[in-house]
Protein backbone atom coordinates (compact mmCIF):
# COMPACT_ATOMS: atom_id res chain seq x y z
CA UNK A 1 -27.86 6.55 -6.67
CA UNK A 2 -25.87 9.07 -4.64
CA UNK A 3 -22.72 7.47 -3.24
CA UNK A 4 -20.73 9.26 -0.52
CA UNK A 5 -17.03 8.42 -0.06
CA UNK A 6 -14.51 9.61 2.55
CA UNK A 7 -11.47 10.54 0.41
CA UNK A 8 -9.34 12.38 3.04
CA UNK A 9 -6.60 9.74 2.97
CA UNK A 10 -5.84 10.58 -0.68
CA UNK A 11 -4.53 14.04 0.25
CA UNK A 12 -0.83 14.98 0.43
CA UNK A 13 2.00 12.44 0.56
CA UNK A 14 0.22 9.15 0.03
CA UNK A 15 1.22 5.74 1.35
CA UNK A 16 -0.66 2.47 0.81
CA UNK A 17 -4.15 3.45 2.02
CA UNK A 18 -3.91 6.88 0.40
CA UNK A 19 -3.02 5.39 -2.97
CA UNK A 20 -5.85 2.90 -2.59
CA UNK A 21 -8.41 5.67 -2.06
CA UNK A 22 -7.03 7.81 -4.88
CA UNK A 23 -6.87 5.00 -7.45
CA UNK A 24 -10.06 3.12 -6.57
CA UNK A 25 -12.11 6.34 -6.58
CA UNK A 26 -10.62 7.43 -9.94
CA UNK A 27 -11.42 4.00 -11.37
CA UNK A 28 -15.00 4.14 -10.03
CA UNK A 29 -15.57 7.57 -11.53
CA UNK A 30 -14.23 6.41 -14.91
CA UNK A 31 -16.34 3.27 -15.21
CA UNK A 32 -19.57 4.52 -13.61
CA UNK A 33 -21.54 7.25 -15.35
CA UNK A 34 -24.94 6.24 -13.91
CA UNK A 35 -24.39 7.20 -10.27
CA UNK A 36 -23.35 10.47 -8.62
CA UNK A 37 -20.48 10.66 -6.12
CA UNK A 38 -20.17 12.95 -3.10
CA UNK A 39 -16.47 12.99 -2.16
CA UNK A 40 -16.03 14.07 1.45
CA UNK A 41 -12.69 15.69 2.24
CA UNK A 42 -10.90 18.35 4.26
CA UNK A 43 -9.29 19.96 1.21
CA UNK A 44 -9.78 19.42 -2.50
CA UNK A 45 -7.63 16.67 -3.99
CA UNK A 46 -6.09 17.16 -7.46
CA UNK A 47 -6.77 14.31 -9.83
CA UNK A 48 -10.25 13.69 -8.44
CA UNK A 49 -11.75 17.05 -9.43
CA UNK A 50 -12.23 16.66 -13.20
CA UNK A 51 -15.12 14.17 -13.24
CA UNK A 52 -18.62 15.41 -14.09
CA UNK A 53 -20.25 12.65 -12.04
CA UNK A 54 -18.64 13.74 -8.76
CA UNK A 55 -18.15 16.76 -6.51
CA UNK A 56 -15.71 17.21 -3.69
CA UNK A 57 -17.34 18.52 -0.54
CA UNK A 58 -14.94 20.17 1.90
CA UNK A 59 -15.68 19.86 5.62
CA UNK A 60 -13.38 22.15 7.57
CA UNK A 61 -13.59 20.74 11.10
CA UNK A 62 -11.25 19.03 13.56
CA UNK A 63 -11.18 15.23 13.60
CA UNK A 64 -14.14 13.98 15.67
CA UNK A 65 -16.39 16.88 14.69
CA UNK A 66 -15.48 16.19 11.03
CA UNK A 67 -16.94 12.71 11.34
CA UNK A 68 -20.16 13.95 12.95
CA UNK A 69 -20.64 16.54 10.18
CA UNK A 70 -19.84 13.92 7.53
CA UNK A 71 -22.42 11.54 9.01
CA UNK A 72 -25.10 14.27 8.90
CA UNK A 73 -24.31 15.07 5.25
CA UNK A 74 -24.36 11.39 4.31
CA UNK A 75 -27.74 10.76 5.97
CA UNK A 76 -29.29 13.80 4.27
CA UNK A 77 -27.79 13.45 0.78
CA UNK A 78 -26.57 9.92 0.05
CA UNK A 79 -28.11 6.53 -0.62
CA UNK A 80 -24.94 4.66 0.37
CA UNK A 81 -21.65 5.35 2.15
CA UNK A 82 -18.35 3.80 1.05
CA UNK A 83 -15.77 3.97 3.87
CA UNK A 84 -12.42 3.05 2.27
CA UNK A 85 -10.16 3.70 5.28
CA UNK A 86 -11.85 5.10 8.42
CA UNK A 87 -14.14 3.32 10.88
CA UNK A 88 -15.40 6.37 12.79
CA UNK A 89 -17.99 7.77 10.36
CA UNK A 90 -19.59 4.34 9.72
CA UNK A 91 -19.94 3.92 13.48
CA UNK A 92 -22.03 7.12 13.63
CA UNK A 93 -24.53 6.16 10.91
CA UNK A 94 -27.84 4.33 11.53
CA UNK A 95 -27.65 0.52 11.41
CA UNK A 96 -30.08 0.35 8.49
CA UNK A 97 -28.09 2.81 6.34
CA UNK A 98 -26.25 1.03 3.47
CA UNK A 99 -22.50 1.02 4.26
CA UNK A 100 -19.62 -0.58 2.38
CA UNK A 101 -16.54 -0.87 4.58
CA UNK A 102 -12.98 -1.68 3.47
CA UNK A 103 -10.50 -3.39 5.81
CA UNK A 104 -6.84 -3.04 4.77
CA UNK A 105 -5.19 -4.93 7.60
CA UNK A 106 -5.67 -5.94 11.23
CA UNK A 107 -2.21 -5.07 12.52
CA UNK A 108 -3.74 -3.11 15.45
CA UNK A 109 -5.25 -6.37 16.71
CA UNK A 110 -2.63 -8.90 15.64
CA UNK A 111 0.55 -6.92 16.34
CA UNK A 112 -0.42 -3.92 18.52
CA UNK A 113 3.18 -3.49 19.75
CA UNK A 114 4.21 -2.83 16.12
CA UNK A 115 1.59 -0.15 15.50
CA UNK A 116 1.05 3.45 16.61
CA UNK A 117 -0.63 3.58 20.02
CA UNK A 118 -3.18 6.18 18.87
CA UNK A 119 -4.13 4.12 15.80
CA UNK A 120 -4.49 0.97 17.95
CA UNK A 121 -6.79 2.82 20.35
CA UNK A 122 -8.99 4.26 17.59
CA UNK A 123 -9.33 0.95 15.77
CA UNK A 124 -10.16 -0.94 18.96
CA UNK A 125 -12.79 1.68 19.82
CA UNK A 126 -14.48 1.87 16.42
CA UNK A 127 -13.78 -1.15 14.19
CA UNK A 128 -16.14 -3.55 15.95
CA UNK A 129 -18.93 -0.92 15.86
CA UNK A 130 -18.30 -0.23 12.19
CA UNK A 131 -18.41 -3.94 11.35
CA UNK A 132 -21.81 -4.26 13.05
CA UNK A 133 -23.15 -1.32 11.02
CA UNK A 134 -21.65 -2.43 7.68
CA UNK A 135 -23.95 -3.89 5.04
CA UNK A 136 -20.96 -5.37 3.22
CA UNK A 137 -17.21 -5.53 3.83
CA UNK A 138 -14.29 -5.74 1.45
CA UNK A 139 -10.74 -6.74 2.28
CA UNK A 140 -7.71 -6.10 0.06
CA UNK A 141 -6.48 -9.70 0.27
CA UNK A 142 -7.66 -13.22 1.08
CA UNK A 143 -5.28 -13.26 4.04
CA UNK A 144 -6.91 -10.19 5.58
CA UNK A 145 -10.33 -11.74 4.95
CA UNK A 146 -9.28 -14.85 6.88
CA UNK A 147 -7.93 -12.70 9.73
CA UNK A 148 -11.19 -10.73 9.84
CA UNK A 149 -13.40 -13.82 9.92
CA UNK A 150 -11.25 -15.42 12.61
CA UNK A 151 -11.08 -12.36 14.88
CA UNK A 152 -14.57 -10.89 14.46
CA UNK A 153 -16.74 -13.81 13.29
CA UNK A 154 -18.40 -11.74 10.54
CA UNK A 155 -20.91 -13.36 8.20
CA UNK A 156 -18.66 -14.82 5.45
CA UNK A 157 -21.29 -13.99 2.82
CA UNK A 158 -20.90 -10.26 3.57
CA UNK A 159 -17.08 -10.22 3.21
CA UNK A 160 -15.50 -9.88 -0.24
CA UNK A 161 -11.79 -10.00 -1.10
CA UNK A 162 -10.95 -7.40 -3.76
CA UNK A 163 -7.23 -6.80 -4.42
CA UNK A 164 -5.38 -3.54 -4.90
CA UNK A 165 -3.30 -2.59 -7.90
CA UNK A 166 -0.48 -0.05 -8.15
CA UNK A 167 -0.38 3.26 -9.98
CA UNK A 168 -0.23 3.31 -13.78
CA UNK A 169 2.90 5.47 -13.32
CA UNK A 170 5.00 2.31 -12.94
CA UNK A 171 6.40 0.49 -16.00
CA UNK A 172 9.74 -0.59 -17.51
CA UNK A 173 11.64 2.32 -19.09
CA UNK A 174 12.73 1.78 -22.70
CA UNK A 175 14.44 3.52 -25.60
CA UNK A 176 15.04 7.25 -25.09
CA UNK A 177 13.73 6.95 -21.54
CA UNK A 178 16.88 5.00 -20.66
CA UNK A 179 19.02 8.01 -21.63
CA UNK A 180 17.02 10.19 -19.24
CA UNK A 181 17.40 7.45 -16.63
CA UNK A 182 21.20 7.58 -16.88
CA UNK A 183 21.07 11.35 -16.54
CA UNK A 184 18.90 10.97 -13.41
CA UNK A 185 21.42 8.55 -11.89
CA UNK A 186 24.30 10.97 -12.55
CA UNK A 187 22.50 14.07 -11.28
CA UNK A 188 21.39 12.37 -8.08
CA UNK A 189 24.79 10.73 -7.55
CA UNK A 190 23.24 7.28 -7.11
CA UNK A 191 25.52 4.31 -6.38
CA UNK A 192 26.23 2.12 -9.41
CA UNK A 193 24.81 -1.01 -7.75
CA UNK A 194 21.99 -0.89 -5.20
CA UNK A 195 19.00 -2.71 -3.82
CA UNK A 196 15.81 -0.77 -3.15
CA UNK A 197 13.25 -1.03 -0.35
CA UNK A 198 10.10 1.10 -0.06
CA UNK A 199 7.81 1.71 2.91
CA UNK A 200 7.28 3.89 5.95
CA UNK A 201 10.09 3.63 8.50
CA UNK A 202 8.37 1.68 11.28
CA UNK A 203 8.96 -1.62 13.14
CA UNK A 204 6.75 -4.01 11.12
CA UNK A 205 8.59 -3.11 7.89
CA UNK A 206 11.54 -5.00 9.42
CA UNK A 207 14.30 -2.69 8.16
CA UNK A 208 16.59 -3.57 11.07
CA UNK A 209 16.79 -7.16 9.81
CA UNK A 210 17.44 -5.91 6.26
CA UNK A 211 20.27 -3.74 7.54
CA UNK A 212 21.70 -6.78 9.33
CA UNK A 213 21.50 -8.64 6.00
CA UNK A 214 23.40 -5.81 4.30
CA UNK A 215 26.27 -6.32 6.71
CA UNK A 216 26.41 -10.01 5.74
CA UNK A 217 26.15 -9.13 2.04
CA UNK A 218 29.19 -6.85 2.33
CA UNK A 219 31.44 -9.90 2.80
CA UNK A 220 30.83 -10.99 -0.82
CA UNK A 221 29.63 -7.77 -2.43
CA UNK A 222 31.25 -4.76 -0.76
CA UNK A 223 30.27 -2.45 -3.64
CA UNK A 224 26.49 -3.01 -3.23
CA UNK A 225 24.37 -0.36 -1.54
CA UNK A 226 20.84 -0.21 -0.12
CA UNK A 227 18.41 2.67 -0.74
CA UNK A 228 15.37 2.94 1.54
CA UNK A 229 12.49 5.16 0.43
CA UNK A 230 9.72 6.13 2.85
CA UNK A 231 8.56 8.74 5.31
CA UNK A 232 9.49 8.56 8.97
CA UNK A 233 7.08 6.57 11.10
CA UNK A 234 7.16 5.80 14.79
CA UNK A 235 10.25 3.93 15.96
CA UNK A 236 12.36 5.13 13.01
CA UNK A 237 15.24 6.13 15.32
CA UNK A 238 15.98 2.42 15.92
CA UNK A 239 16.43 1.91 12.18
CA UNK A 240 18.95 4.76 11.94
CA UNK A 241 20.75 3.37 14.98
CA UNK A 242 20.98 -0.07 13.37
CA UNK A 243 22.86 1.50 10.43
CA UNK A 244 25.36 3.12 12.82
CA UNK A 245 25.75 -0.03 14.91
CA UNK A 246 26.57 -2.06 11.79
CA UNK A 247 28.94 0.62 10.38
CA UNK A 248 26.89 0.95 7.20
CA UNK A 249 26.40 4.72 7.01
CA UNK A 250 28.21 4.86 3.65
CA UNK A 251 26.22 1.98 2.14
CA UNK A 252 22.65 2.44 3.43
CA UNK A 253 20.88 5.58 2.20
CA UNK A 254 17.54 7.05 3.34
CA UNK A 255 15.82 9.22 0.73
CA UNK A 256 12.58 9.96 2.58
CA UNK A 257 9.24 10.17 0.78
CA UNK A 258 9.59 10.42 -3.02
CA UNK A 259 7.24 11.15 -5.90
CA UNK A 260 6.17 8.31 -8.20
CA UNK A 261 8.38 9.81 -10.92
CA UNK A 262 11.52 9.43 -8.81
CA UNK A 263 10.41 6.01 -7.57
CA UNK A 264 9.90 4.86 -11.16
CA UNK A 265 13.54 5.70 -11.90
CA UNK A 266 14.79 3.88 -8.80
CA UNK A 267 12.81 0.72 -9.58
CA UNK A 268 14.26 0.73 -13.10
CA UNK A 269 17.83 1.22 -11.85
CA UNK A 270 17.91 -1.15 -8.87
CA UNK A 271 19.59 -4.57 -8.92
CA UNK A 272 16.50 -5.78 -7.08
CA UNK A 273 13.75 -4.82 -4.66
CA UNK A 274 13.69 -6.20 -1.10
CA UNK A 275 10.49 -6.29 0.96
CA UNK A 276 11.23 -7.88 4.36
CA UNK A 277 7.96 -6.76 6.00
CA UNK A 278 6.55 -9.03 8.71
CA UNK A 279 2.90 -8.19 8.05
CA UNK A 280 0.96 -6.54 5.22
CA UNK A 281 -2.73 -6.33 4.43
CA UNK A 282 -1.70 -6.29 0.77
CA UNK A 283 1.70 -4.70 -0.01
CA UNK A 284 1.71 -2.36 -3.01
CA UNK A 285 5.52 -1.71 -3.30
CA UNK A 286 6.46 -5.23 -4.54
CA UNK A 287 3.72 -4.90 -7.16
CA UNK A 288 5.19 -1.55 -8.25
CA UNK A 289 8.62 -3.18 -8.53
CA UNK A 290 7.36 -6.12 -10.60
CA UNK A 291 5.44 -3.74 -12.88
CA UNK A 292 8.76 -1.93 -13.54
CA UNK A 293 10.72 -5.10 -14.29
CA UNK A 294 12.63 -4.94 -11.01
CA UNK A 295 13.30 -8.42 -9.49
CA UNK A 296 11.59 -8.88 -6.12
CA UNK A 297 12.76 -10.51 -2.90
CA UNK A 298 9.88 -10.65 -0.42
CA UNK A 299 8.74 -12.11 2.88
CA UNK A 300 6.75 -15.32 2.76
CA UNK A 301 4.39 -13.87 5.36
CA UNK A 302 0.81 -12.59 5.61
CA UNK A 303 -0.70 -11.48 2.26
CA UNK A 304 2.60 -10.86 0.46
CA UNK A 305 2.65 -14.19 -1.46
CA UNK A 306 -0.81 -13.31 -2.88
CA UNK A 307 0.74 -10.23 -4.47
CA UNK A 308 4.10 -11.64 -5.55
CA UNK A 309 2.94 -15.11 -6.62
CA UNK A 310 5.75 -16.85 -8.52
CA UNK A 311 7.14 -13.46 -9.54
CA UNK A 312 9.67 -13.18 -6.73
CA UNK A 313 12.19 -14.88 -4.46
CA UNK A 314 10.98 -15.50 -0.91
CA UNK A 315 12.69 -15.05 2.44
CA UNK A 316 12.01 -15.71 6.11
CA UNK A 317 11.73 -12.13 7.44
CA UNK A 318 13.42 -13.20 10.69
CA UNK A 319 16.55 -14.51 8.95
CA UNK A 320 19.16 -11.93 7.95
CA UNK A 321 21.24 -14.79 6.55
CA UNK A 322 18.42 -15.85 4.20
CA UNK A 323 17.77 -12.27 3.07
CA UNK A 324 21.47 -11.77 2.31
CA UNK A 325 21.65 -15.10 0.44
CA UNK A 326 18.79 -14.18 -1.90
CA UNK A 327 20.28 -10.73 -2.52
CA UNK A 328 23.61 -12.37 -3.35
CA UNK A 329 21.86 -14.73 -5.81
CA UNK A 330 20.36 -11.80 -7.73
CA UNK A 331 23.74 -10.11 -7.99
CA UNK A 332 25.64 -13.24 -9.07
CA UNK A 333 23.14 -15.07 -11.30
CA UNK A 334 22.13 -12.97 -14.29
CA UNK A 335 19.95 -15.75 -15.74
CA UNK A 336 17.99 -15.91 -12.49
CA UNK A 337 17.60 -12.14 -12.51
CA UNK A 338 16.20 -12.23 -16.09
CA UNK A 339 13.81 -15.01 -15.12
CA UNK A 340 12.51 -13.07 -12.10
CA UNK A 341 12.02 -9.95 -14.24
CA UNK A 342 9.94 -11.98 -16.71
CA UNK A 343 7.90 -13.71 -14.02
CA UNK A 344 7.39 -10.47 -12.09
CA UNK A 345 6.09 -8.61 -15.13
CA UNK A 346 3.67 -11.47 -15.85
CA UNK A 347 2.44 -11.61 -12.23
CA UNK A 348 1.90 -7.85 -12.08
CA UNK A 349 -0.59 -8.00 -14.97
CA UNK A 350 -3.04 -9.95 -12.82
CA UNK A 351 -4.05 -6.78 -10.94
CA UNK A 352 -6.29 -3.97 -12.20
CA UNK A 353 -7.91 -0.97 -10.50
CA UNK A 354 -10.68 -1.03 -13.10
CA UNK A 355 -11.50 -4.68 -12.43
CA UNK A 356 -11.49 -4.08 -8.67
CA UNK A 357 -13.66 -0.97 -9.06
CA UNK A 358 -16.15 -2.97 -11.13
CA UNK A 359 -16.47 -5.53 -8.32
CA UNK A 360 -16.95 -2.75 -5.77
CA UNK A 361 -19.63 -1.14 -7.91
CA UNK A 362 -21.53 -4.43 -8.23
CA UNK A 363 -21.51 -4.81 -4.44
CA UNK A 364 -22.72 -1.23 -3.90
CA UNK A 365 -25.52 -1.53 -6.42
CA UNK A 366 -26.58 -4.79 -4.78
CA UNK A 367 -26.87 -3.06 -1.41
CA UNK A 368 -29.32 -0.42 -2.64
CA UNK A 369 -31.24 -2.15 -5.44
């Protein structure tokens, strides 16, 4: 079987969807030696170019034309198309062509005011069409599956919940690695005590409420800092303004987008990880934190409890007081912190890219055979 996959999202500085494409495709190529993969992209992606059962096919065209060219290639050369992030190409394929579609979240429909206007427009134009064309659909969480069935009334038998994992780069640092970790902290002039939060700077990540919580935390723990890692999204100026309004410029630090290597160090150094997001289709950062032995404080909203399980402390994302209280607990109660590290490490072992890829492969083979 020839399987075509759109891998464009795995290029460059990857966020959630990009890491999903990169890791799920790598896992598929590792476990499946029977089928051949046609990886459609705009530019070759390192890390996906060393497998003998796949070739990257570059299509150098602007956006809409790219999708039309991709659809033509798929029809002529593939037996099945796996669309891990985009809805446009599936919309252009014949209804009887086997298509596996992945839905990461439905924020464009549930919270359009908290999403980019262009992305909302594209998803509203193409998602419904893509769903009608899809032979099978996967979601990255049970919560997203429920949202999908409620909003679009898809056939429940065609929708499968298959969770993400995080990169194998994340793990607790031990032995000699701890010496290098101390050197990293000195060289980068990191504060001695800090909480970490990771995610694109945009409204639904709820950083403004976290910054408000930091102001409350300062009353008991004036030496504790907050480091936020993530690229600038739309509406990021309000987040910076919240820091100024709360006089926290010396205690809240924005480091932008970082490599996994730097993130690994931060997870291993942080007092705890705070994830106050209001809505996630899955939420990879808290899983990364747990995998590193970093205690997690997370919203009890959307799919986040599916990821964190009993491996974290929960907060109401609308309550700065509750966020600050849980942060204070982690600082003050070392036994609690040790317990959350243990539970987080255990919870993180429940996820596997290989297991998820195996489920995807079974679905794909069922669509063609």
